[in-house]
Amino acid sequence: MTQMPVISLGTGDADALGQQLGDSFKTYGFATVVDHGLDPALVAKAWALTKELFDQPGAEKMRGFDNAVAGQR
């Protein structure tokens, strides 16, 4: 299994950053970003809320599914 790349916002190379983000979104639908300057407590809270969402039963998660927009909310 391929591991999602970790992308730094601190490189100063906007073209490379755009390419890396685009590749990650195309391949995984997500991107792991570092050097963003966010408060570590805020990042920890976001991970906790993400875990809470994905730990819900499938039926509960599907309540927000919309076929008209390929499942997007």
PDB file of N, CA and C in Angstrom:
ATOM      1  N   MET A   1       0.845  -1.186   0.000  1.00  0.00           N
ATOM      2  CA  MET A   1       0.000   0.000   0.000  1.00  0.00           C
ATOM      3  C   MET A   1       0.883   1.239   0.000  1.00  0.00           C
ATOM      4  N   THR A   2       0.555   2.194  -0.814  1.00  0.00           N
ATOM      5  CA  THR A   2       1.296   3.444  -0.887  1.00  0.00           C
ATOM      6  C   THR A   2       0.866   4.351   0.256  1.00  0.00           C
ATOM      7  N   GLN A   3       1.846   5.025   0.844  1.00  0.00           N
ATOM      8  CA  GLN A   3       1.548   5.935   1.946  1.00  0.00           C
ATOM      9  C   GLN A   3       1.320   7.344   1.403  1.00  0.00           C
ATOM     10  N   MET A   4       0.293   8.015   1.920  1.00  0.00           N
ATOM     11  CA  MET A   4       0.002   9.375   1.513  1.00  0.00           C
ATOM     12  C   MET A   4       1.192  10.259   1.874  1.00  0.00           C
ATOM     13  N   PRO A   5       1.651  11.123   0.949  1.00  0.00           N
ATOM     14  CA  PRO A   5       2.802  11.959   1.231  1.00  0.00           C
ATOM     15  C   PRO A   5       2.484  13.055   2.254  1.00  0.00           C
ATOM     16  N   VAL A   6       3.509  13.487   2.948  1.00  0.00           N
ATOM     17  CA  VAL A   6       3.405  14.618   3.869  1.00  0.00           C
ATOM     18  C   VAL A   6       3.905  15.845   3.107  1.00  0.00           C
ATOM     19  N   ILE A   7       3.060  16.867   3.012  1.00  0.00           N
ATOM     20  CA  ILE A   7       3.353  18.041   2.189  1.00  0.00           C
ATOM     21  C   ILE A   7       3.622  19.244   3.083  1.00  0.00           C
ATOM     22  N   SER A   8       4.762  19.896   2.870  1.00  0.00           N
ATOM     23  CA  SER A   8       5.151  21.064   3.662  1.00  0.00           C
ATOM     24  C   SER A   8       4.704  22.349   2.981  1.00  0.00           C
ATOM     25  N   LEU A   9       4.103  23.239   3.766  1.00  0.00           N
ATOM     26  CA  LEU A   9       3.740  24.560   3.254  1.00  0.00           C
ATOM     27  C   LEU A   9       4.904  25.539   3.349  1.00  0.00           C
ATOM     28  N   GLY A  10       6.018  25.086   3.913  1.00  0.00           N
ATOM     29  CA  GLY A  10       7.139  25.986   4.170  1.00  0.00           C
ATOM     30  C   GLY A  10       8.225  25.994   3.110  1.00  0.00           C
ATOM     31  N   THR A  11       7.982  25.386   1.954  1.00  0.00           N
ATOM     32  CA  THR A  11       9.047  25.304   0.943  1.00  0.00           C
ATOM     33  C   THR A  11       9.221  26.592   0.152  1.00  0.00           C
ATOM     34  N   GLY A  12       8.169  27.383   0.024  1.00  0.00           N
ATOM     35  CA  GLY A  12       8.242  28.607  -0.768  1.00  0.00           C
ATOM     36  C   GLY A  12       8.097  28.387  -2.265  1.00  0.00           C
ATOM     37  N   ASP A  13       7.880  27.152  -2.690  1.00  0.00           N
ATOM     38  CA  ASP A  13       7.728  26.831  -4.110  1.00  0.00           C
ATOM     39  C   ASP A  13       6.258  26.560  -4.399  1.00  0.00           C
ATOM     40  N   ALA A  14       5.540  27.602  -4.806  1.00  0.00           N
ATOM     41  CA  ALA A  14       4.091  27.502  -5.005  1.00  0.00           C
ATOM     42  C   ALA A  14       3.725  26.496  -6.093  1.00  0.00           C
ATOM     43  N   ASP A  15       4.509  26.433  -7.161  1.00  0.00           N
ATOM     44  CA  ASP A  15       4.203  25.488  -8.242  1.00  0.00           C
ATOM     45  C   ASP A  15       4.317  24.045  -7.761  1.00  0.00           C
ATOM     46  N   ALA A  16       5.410  23.755  -7.043  1.00  0.00           N
ATOM     47  CA  ALA A  16       5.601  22.391  -6.523  1.00  0.00           C
ATOM     48  C   ALA A  16       4.519  22.055  -5.510  1.00  0.00           C
ATOM     49  N   LEU A  17       4.161  23.025  -4.666  1.00  0.00           N
ATOM     50  CA  LEU A  17       3.115  22.815  -3.671  1.00  0.00           C
ATOM     51  C   LEU A  17       1.791  22.479  -4.356  1.00  0.00           C
ATOM     52  N   GLY A  18       1.441  23.243  -5.369  1.00  0.00           N
ATOM     53  CA  GLY A  18       0.208  22.985  -6.104  1.00  0.00           C
ATOM     54  C   GLY A  18       0.196  21.607  -6.736  1.00  0.00           C
ATOM     55  N   GLN A  19       1.324  21.203  -7.310  1.00  0.00           N
ATOM     56  CA  GLN A  19       1.426  19.883  -7.919  1.00  0.00           C
ATOM     57  C   GLN A  19       1.276  18.782  -6.871  1.00  0.00           C
ATOM     58  N   GLN A  20       1.955  18.944  -5.727  1.00  0.00           N
ATOM     59  CA  GLN A  20       1.892  17.940  -4.662  1.00  0.00           C
ATOM     60  C   GLN A  20       0.476  17.819  -4.106  1.00  0.00           C
ATOM     61  N   LEU A  21      -0.170  18.957  -3.866  1.00  0.00           N
ATOM     62  CA  LEU A  21      -1.542  18.916  -3.349  1.00  0.00           C
ATOM     63  C   LEU A  21      -2.479  18.268  -4.366  1.00  0.00           C
ATOM     64  N   GLY A  22      -2.363  18.670  -5.630  1.00  0.00           N
ATOM     65  CA  GLY A  22      -3.214  18.103  -6.667  1.00  0.00           C
ATOM     66  C   GLY A  22      -3.034  16.597  -6.794  1.00  0.00           C
ATOM     67  N   ASP A  23      -1.776  16.154  -6.763  1.00  0.00           N
ATOM     68  CA  ASP A  23      -1.505  14.715  -6.853  1.00  0.00           C
ATOM     69  C   ASP A  23      -2.106  13.966  -5.667  1.00  0.00           C
ATOM     70  N   SER A  24      -1.957  14.535  -4.467  1.00  0.00           N
ATOM     71  CA  SER A  24      -2.481  13.880  -3.272  1.00  0.00           C
ATOM     72  C   SER A  24      -4.006  13.808  -3.305  1.00  0.00           C
ATOM     73  N   PHE A  25      -4.648  14.904  -3.696  1.00  0.00           N
ATOM     74  CA  PHE A  25      -6.108  14.906  -3.765  1.00  0.00           C
ATOM     75  C   PHE A  25      -6.611  13.939  -4.835  1.00  0.00           C
ATOM     76  N   LYS A  26      -5.910  13.881  -5.966  1.00  0.00           N
ATOM     77  CA  LYS A  26      -6.327  12.980  -7.035  1.00  0.00           C
ATOM     78  C   LYS A  26      -6.177  11.521  -6.614  1.00  0.00           C
ATOM     79  N   THR A  27      -5.099  11.220  -5.914  1.00  0.00           N
ATOM     80  CA  THR A  27      -4.810   9.838  -5.536  1.00  0.00           C
ATOM     81  C   THR A  27      -5.572   9.392  -4.301  1.00  0.00           C
ATOM     82  N   TYR A  28      -5.619  10.259  -3.275  1.00  0.00           N
ATOM     83  CA  TYR A  28      -6.169   9.858  -1.977  1.00  0.00           C
ATOM     84  C   TYR A  28      -7.454  10.581  -1.581  1.00  0.00           C
ATOM     85  N   GLY A  29      -7.706  11.735  -2.192  1.00  0.00           N
ATOM     86  CA  GLY A  29      -8.855  12.543  -1.776  1.00  0.00           C
ATOM     87  C   GLY A  29      -8.548  13.394  -0.564  1.00  0.00           C
ATOM     88  N   PHE A  30      -7.323  13.304  -0.076  1.00  0.00           N
ATOM     89  CA  PHE A  30      -6.885  14.032   1.113  1.00  0.00           C
ATOM     90  C   PHE A  30      -5.436  14.447   0.919  1.00  0.00           C
ATOM     91  N   ALA A  31      -4.971  15.309   1.812  1.00  0.00           N
ATOM     92  CA  ALA A  31      -3.554  15.665   1.849  1.00  0.00           C
ATOM     93  C   ALA A  31      -3.141  15.813   3.309  1.00  0.00           C
ATOM     94  N   THR A  32      -1.944  15.352   3.623  1.00  0.00           N
ATOM     95  CA  THR A  32      -1.362  15.578   4.944  1.00  0.00           C
ATOM     96  C   THR A  32      -0.424  16.771   4.811  1.00  0.00           C
ATOM     97  N   VAL A  33      -0.722  17.845   5.534  1.00  0.00           N
ATOM     98  CA  VAL A  33       0.018  19.097   5.400  1.00  0.00           C
ATOM     99  C   VAL A  33       0.712  19.429   6.712  1.00  0.00           C
ATOM    100  N   VAL A  34       1.995  19.812   6.616  1.00  0.00           N
ATOM    101  CA  VAL A  34       2.778  20.236   7.780  1.00  0.00           C
ATOM    102  C   VAL A  34       3.316  21.640   7.526  1.00  0.00           C
ATOM    103  N   ASP A  35       3.907  22.216   8.546  1.00  0.00           N
ATOM    104  CA  ASP A  35       4.466  23.574   8.473  1.00  0.00           C
ATOM    105  C   ASP A  35       3.390  24.606   8.137  1.00  0.00           C
ATOM    106  N   HIS A  36       2.193  24.394   8.701  1.00  0.00           N
ATOM    107  CA  HIS A  36       1.037  25.250   8.432  1.00  0.00           C
ATOM    108  C   HIS A  36       0.848  26.337   9.486  1.00  0.00           C
ATOM    109  N   GLY A  37       1.506  26.226  10.628  1.00  0.00           N
ATOM    110  CA  GLY A  37       1.410  27.241  11.666  1.00  0.00           C
ATOM    111  C   GLY A  37       0.173  27.160  12.544  1.00  0.00           C
ATOM    112  N   LEU A  38      -0.627  26.105  12.400  1.00  0.00           N
ATOM    113  CA  LEU A  38      -1.821  25.960  13.229  1.00  0.00           C
ATOM    114  C   LEU A  38      -1.442  25.540  14.644  1.00  0.00           C
ATOM    115  N   ASP A  39      -2.225  25.985  15.599  1.00  0.00           N
ATOM    116  CA  ASP A  39      -2.035  25.625  16.999  1.00  0.00           C
ATOM    117  C   ASP A  39      -2.174  24.111  17.139  1.00  0.00           C
ATOM    118  N   PRO A  40      -1.187  23.437  17.755  1.00  0.00           N
ATOM    119  CA  PRO A  40      -1.263  21.984  17.918  1.00  0.00           C
ATOM    120  C   PRO A  40      -2.527  21.526  18.651  1.00  0.00           C
ATOM    121  N   ALA A  41      -3.052  22.328  19.559  1.00  0.00           N
ATOM    122  CA  ALA A  41      -4.283  21.959  20.270  1.00  0.00           C
ATOM    123  C   ALA A  41      -5.467  21.919  19.294  1.00  0.00           C
ATOM    124  N   LEU A  42      -5.484  22.845  18.354  1.00  0.00           N
ATOM    125  CA  LEU A  42      -6.552  22.865  17.350  1.00  0.00           C
ATOM    126  C   LEU A  42      -6.446  21.641  16.440  1.00  0.00           C
ATOM    127  N   VAL A  43      -5.240  21.276  16.052  1.00  0.00           N
ATOM    128  CA  VAL A  43      -5.028  20.092  15.211  1.00  0.00           C
ATOM    129  C   VAL A  43      -5.476  18.841  15.958  1.00  0.00           C
ATOM    130  N   ALA A  44      -5.121  18.742  17.243  1.00  0.00           N
ATOM    131  CA  ALA A  44      -5.527  17.585  18.053  1.00  0.00           C
ATOM    132  C   ALA A  44      -7.048  17.498  18.151  1.00  0.00           C
ATOM    133  N   LYS A  45      -7.710  18.641  18.316  1.00  0.00           N
ATOM    134  CA  LYS A  45      -9.178  18.638  18.393  1.00  0.00           C
ATOM    135  C   LYS A  45      -9.787  18.184  17.057  1.00  0.00           C
ATOM    136  N   ALA A  46      -9.214  18.640  15.958  1.00  0.00           N
ATOM    137  CA  ALA A  46      -9.719  18.232  14.642  1.00  0.00           C
ATOM    138  C   ALA A  46      -9.581  16.723  14.452  1.00  0.00           C
ATOM    139  N   TRP A  47      -8.441  16.150  14.873  1.00  0.00           N
ATOM    140  CA  TRP A  47      -8.263  14.695  14.764  1.00  0.00           C
ATOM    141  C   TRP A  47      -9.265  13.963  15.649  1.00  0.00           C
ATOM    142  N   ALA A  48      -9.520  14.479  16.843  1.00  0.00           N
ATOM    143  CA  ALA A  48     -10.485  13.843  17.753  1.00  0.00           C
ATOM    144  C   ALA A  48     -11.890  13.863  17.146  1.00  0.00           C
ATOM    145  N   LEU A  49     -12.276  14.985  16.545  1.00  0.00           N
ATOM    146  CA  LEU A  49     -13.595  15.081  15.916  1.00  0.00           C
ATOM    147  C   LEU A  49     -13.693  14.171  14.685  1.00  0.00           C
ATOM    148  N   THR A  50     -12.593  14.049  13.949  1.00  0.00           N
ATOM    149  CA  THR A  50     -12.571  13.145  12.798  1.00  0.00           C
ATOM    150  C   THR A  50     -12.774  11.703  13.247  1.00  0.00           C
ATOM    151  N   LYS A  51     -12.088  11.323  14.304  1.00  0.00           N
ATOM    152  CA  LYS A  51     -12.240   9.965  14.846  1.00  0.00           C
ATOM    153  C   LYS A  51     -13.682   9.746  15.302  1.00  0.00           C
ATOM    154  N   GLU A  52     -14.246  10.744  15.967  1.00  0.00           N
ATOM    155  CA  GLU A  52     -15.639  10.635  16.429  1.00  0.00           C
ATOM    156  C   GLU A  52     -16.583  10.417  15.239  1.00  0.00           C
ATOM    157  N   LEU A  53     -16.362  11.139  14.150  1.00  0.00           N
ATOM    158  CA  LEU A  53     -17.198  10.978  12.958  1.00  0.00           C
ATOM    159  C   LEU A  53     -17.068   9.569  12.391  1.00  0.00           C
ATOM    160  N   PHE A  54     -15.845   9.106  12.186  1.00  0.00           N
ATOM    161  CA  PHE A  54     -15.643   7.812  11.543  1.00  0.00           C
ATOM    162  C   PHE A  54     -15.977   6.641  12.445  1.00  0.00           C
ATOM    163  N   ASP A  55     -16.062   6.859  13.743  1.00  0.00           N
ATOM    164  CA  ASP A  55     -16.460   5.802  14.671  1.00  0.00           C
ATOM    165  C   ASP A  55     -17.975   5.600  14.716  1.00  0.00           C
ATOM    166  N   GLN A  56     -18.739   6.494  14.096  1.00  0.00           N
ATOM    167  CA  GLN A  56     -20.198   6.365  14.097  1.00  0.00           C
ATOM    168  C   GLN A  56     -20.615   5.159  13.251  1.00  0.00           C
ATOM    169  N   PRO A  57     -21.784   4.594  13.549  1.00  0.00           N
ATOM    170  CA  PRO A  57     -22.303   3.506  12.716  1.00  0.00           C
ATOM    171  C   PRO A  57     -22.492   3.989  11.269  1.00  0.00           C
ATOM    172  N   GLY A  58     -22.347   3.060  10.329  1.00  0.00           N
ATOM    173  CA  GLY A  58     -22.471   3.405   8.917  1.00  0.00           C
ATOM    174  C   GLY A  58     -23.772   4.111   8.576  1.00  0.00           C
ATOM    175  N   ALA A  59     -24.874   3.665   9.165  1.00  0.00           N
ATOM    176  CA  ALA A  59     -26.177   4.279   8.873  1.00  0.00           C
ATOM    177  C   ALA A  59     -26.195   5.747   9.278  1.00  0.00           C
ATOM    178  N   GLU A  60     -25.569   6.058  10.395  1.00  0.00           N
ATOM    179  CA  GLU A  60     -25.523   7.450  10.859  1.00  0.00           C
ATOM    180  C   GLU A  60     -24.672   8.295   9.909  1.00  0.00           C
ATOM    181  N   LYS A  61     -23.531   7.766   9.493  1.00  0.00           N
ATOM    182  CA  LYS A  61     -22.674   8.517   8.568  1.00  0.00           C
ATOM    183  C   LYS A  61     -23.371   8.740   7.231  1.00  0.00           C
ATOM    184  N   MET A  62     -24.164   7.787   6.782  1.00  0.00           N
ATOM    185  CA  MET A  62     -24.822   7.897   5.490  1.00  0.00           C
ATOM    186  C   MET A  62     -25.982   8.888   5.482  1.00  0.00           C
ATOM    187  N   ARG A  63     -26.400   9.366   6.647  1.00  0.00           N
ATOM    188  CA  ARG A  63     -27.501  10.341   6.686  1.00  0.00           C
ATOM    189  C   ARG A  63     -27.178  11.581   5.862  1.00  0.00           C
ATOM    190  N   GLY A  64     -25.909  11.932   5.751  1.00  0.00           N
ATOM    191  CA  GLY A  64     -25.521  13.122   4.992  1.00  0.00           C
ATOM    192  C   GLY A  64     -25.198  12.849   3.539  1.00  0.00           C
ATOM    193  N   PHE A  65     -25.328  11.614   3.101  1.00  0.00           N
ATOM    194  CA  PHE A  65     -24.994  11.244   1.722  1.00  0.00           C
ATOM    195  C   PHE A  65     -26.039  11.798   0.769  1.00  0.00           C
ATOM    196  N   ASP A  66     -25.577  12.382  -0.328  1.00  0.00           N
ATOM    197  CA  ASP A  66     -26.490  12.941  -1.321  1.00  0.00           C
ATOM    198  C   ASP A  66     -26.103  12.389  -2.694  1.00  0.00           C
ATOM    199  N   ASN A  67     -26.936  11.528  -3.259  1.00  0.00           N
ATOM    200  CA  ASN A  67     -26.655  10.934  -4.579  1.00  0.00           C
ATOM    201  C   ASN A  67     -26.524  11.989  -5.675  1.00  0.00           C
ATOM    202  N   ALA A  68     -27.217  13.096  -5.518  1.00  0.00           N
ATOM    203  CA  ALA A  68     -27.204  14.137  -6.561  1.00  0.00           C
ATOM    204  C   ALA A  68     -25.819  14.748  -6.735  1.00  0.00           C
ATOM    205  N   VAL A  69     -24.988  14.664  -5.725  1.00  0.00           N
ATOM    206  CA  VAL A  69     -23.645  15.268  -5.807  1.00  0.00           C
ATOM    207  C   VAL A  69     -22.577  14.239  -5.426  1.00  0.00           C
ATOM    208  N   ALA A  70     -22.791  12.999  -5.837  1.00  0.00           N
ATOM    209  CA  ALA A  70     -21.824  11.900  -5.626  1.00  0.00           C
ATOM    210  C   ALA A  70     -21.457  11.727  -4.158  1.00  0.00           C
ATOM    211  N   GLY A  71     -22.438  11.981  -3.284  1.00  0.00           N
ATOM    212  CA  GLY A  71     -22.207  11.758  -1.859  1.00  0.00           C
ATOM    213  C   GLY A  71     -21.674  12.965  -1.106  1.00  0.00           C
ATOM    214  N   GLN A  72     -21.342  14.034  -1.812  1.00  0.00           N
ATOM    215  CA  GLN A  72     -20.795  15.226  -1.149  1.00  0.00           C
ATOM    216  C   GLN A  72     -21.871  15.929  -0.344  1.00  0.00           C
ATOM    217  N   ARG A  73     -21.448  16.644   0.647  1.00  0.00           N
ATOM    218  CA  ARG A  73     -22.395  17.436   1.439  1.00  0.00           C
ATOM    219  C   ARG A  73     -22.146  18.895   1.214  1.00  0.00           C
TER     220      ARG A  73
END
